């Protein structure tokens, strides 16, 4: 028991309620309501839901990072293939530079 009477349980019923709350992983009345304390109790009571949410969030973040990485790593553009308009041979711009057209003349 605490020496200061203000920090003690006012009745035995209050102590029993806090013991029951402790075993049910609920916040205690005797303890101050810190956000971290209440959040840890909530996570302990709903462990499966928090683990599922963490797994889904991790998957989404991983996919976004992967997608952004694919967008940043661009493939070099394919070399443009030019064809001769007369004989359709590749890599020739016009008939004067086309090997097939000049050899036929």
Protein backbone atom coordinates (compact mmCIF):
# COMPACT_ATOMS: atom_id res chain seq x y z
CA UNK A 1 0.00 0.00 0.00
CA UNK A 2 1.10 3.51 -0.75
CA UNK A 3 1.74 5.88 2.14
CA UNK A 4 -0.28 8.67 0.53
CA UNK A 5 -3.99 8.00 1.06
CA UNK A 6 -4.91 9.80 -2.18
CA UNK A 7 -2.97 7.18 -4.15
CA UNK A 8 -4.64 4.19 -2.49
CA UNK A 9 -7.80 2.42 -3.64
CA UNK A 10 -10.82 4.00 -1.95
CA UNK A 11 -12.56 0.64 -1.45
CA UNK A 12 -11.87 -3.06 -1.72
CA UNK A 13 -14.32 -3.19 -4.65
CA UNK A 14 -12.14 -0.74 -6.60
CA UNK A 15 -9.13 -2.98 -6.01
CA UNK A 16 -11.06 -6.07 -7.12
CA UNK A 17 -12.27 -4.26 -10.29
CA UNK A 18 -8.66 -3.30 -11.11
CA UNK A 19 -7.45 -6.87 -10.58
CA UNK A 20 -10.20 -8.13 -12.90
CA UNK A 21 -9.29 -5.45 -15.47
CA UNK A 22 -5.62 -6.48 -15.22
CA UNK A 23 -6.41 -10.11 -16.05
CA UNK A 24 -8.65 -9.00 -18.96
CA UNK A 25 -5.77 -6.88 -20.41
CA UNK A 26 -7.79 -3.71 -19.94
CA UNK A 27 -6.41 -0.37 -18.69
CA UNK A 28 -6.25 -0.04 -14.92
CA UNK A 29 -8.03 2.74 -13.05
CA UNK A 30 -5.11 3.23 -10.66
CA UNK A 31 -2.65 3.90 -13.45
CA UNK A 32 -2.57 7.21 -15.35
CA UNK A 33 -4.03 7.12 -18.87
CA UNK A 34 -0.87 7.44 -20.96
CA UNK A 35 -1.43 6.96 -24.70
CA UNK A 36 1.31 4.32 -24.99
CA UNK A 37 -0.10 2.35 -22.08
CA UNK A 38 -3.65 2.34 -23.47
CA UNK A 39 -2.38 1.50 -26.97
CA UNK A 40 -0.31 -1.41 -25.68
CA UNK A 41 -3.35 -2.81 -23.85
CA UNK A 42 -5.46 -2.44 -27.00
CA UNK A 43 -2.82 -4.20 -29.12
CA UNK A 44 -2.50 -7.01 -26.59
CA UNK A 45 -6.28 -7.61 -26.61
CA UNK A 46 -6.52 -7.47 -30.43
CA UNK A 47 -3.23 -9.09 -31.41
CA UNK A 48 -4.57 -10.88 -34.52
CA UNK A 49 -6.19 -7.76 -35.96
CA UNK A 50 -3.04 -5.68 -35.44
CA UNK A 51 -0.79 -8.37 -36.96
CA UNK A 52 -3.08 -8.66 -39.99
CA UNK A 53 -3.14 -4.89 -40.44
CA UNK A 54 0.66 -4.74 -40.15
CA UNK A 55 1.04 -7.50 -42.75
CA UNK A 56 -1.32 -5.76 -45.18
CA UNK A 57 0.41 -2.41 -44.67
CA UNK A 58 3.84 -3.96 -45.18
CA UNK A 59 2.66 -5.65 -48.38
CA UNK A 60 1.20 -2.41 -49.75
CA UNK A 61 4.36 -0.44 -48.94
CA UNK A 62 6.52 -3.15 -50.52
CA UNK A 63 4.46 -3.15 -53.70
CA UNK A 64 4.57 0.65 -53.94
CA UNK A 65 8.35 0.67 -53.48
CA UNK A 66 8.71 -2.07 -56.11
CA UNK A 67 6.47 -0.18 -58.56
CA UNK A 68 8.35 3.10 -58.05
CA UNK A 69 11.64 1.26 -58.51
CA UNK A 70 10.41 -0.21 -61.80
CA UNK A 71 9.33 3.25 -62.94
CA UNK A 72 12.74 4.77 -62.11
CA UNK A 73 14.71 2.05 -63.88
CA UNK A 74 13.74 2.70 -67.47
CA UNK A 75 14.79 0.40 -70.27
CA UNK A 76 16.79 2.10 -73.01
CA UNK A 77 14.72 2.84 -76.08
CA UNK A 78 14.93 0.26 -78.83
CA UNK A 79 17.04 1.26 -81.83
CA UNK A 80 14.86 2.65 -84.54
CA UNK A 81 14.92 0.46 -87.65
CA UNK A 82 14.66 2.40 -90.90
CA UNK A 83 13.63 0.67 -94.08
CA UNK A 84 14.09 1.54 -97.72
CA UNK A 85 10.79 2.77 -99.17
CA UNK A 86 11.35 0.84 -102.40
CA UNK A 87 12.63 -2.60 -101.40
CA UNK A 88 11.85 -2.55 -97.63
CA UNK A 89 15.41 -3.52 -96.64
CA UNK A 90 16.25 -2.66 -93.06
CA UNK A 91 18.59 0.19 -92.02
CA UNK A 92 18.31 2.08 -95.31
CA UNK A 93 16.86 5.57 -95.45
CA UNK A 94 16.47 5.96 -99.19
CA UNK A 95 17.23 4.06 -102.37
CA UNK A 96 20.62 5.78 -102.89
CA UNK A 97 21.94 4.28 -99.63
CA UNK A 98 20.19 0.94 -99.93
CA UNK A 99 22.58 -1.90 -100.78
CA UNK A 100 19.85 -3.98 -102.41
CA UNK A 101 18.65 -1.13 -104.64
CA UNK A 102 22.17 0.01 -105.71
CA UNK A 103 23.34 -3.53 -106.47
CA UNK A 104 20.32 -4.13 -108.68
CA UNK A 105 21.13 -1.09 -110.81
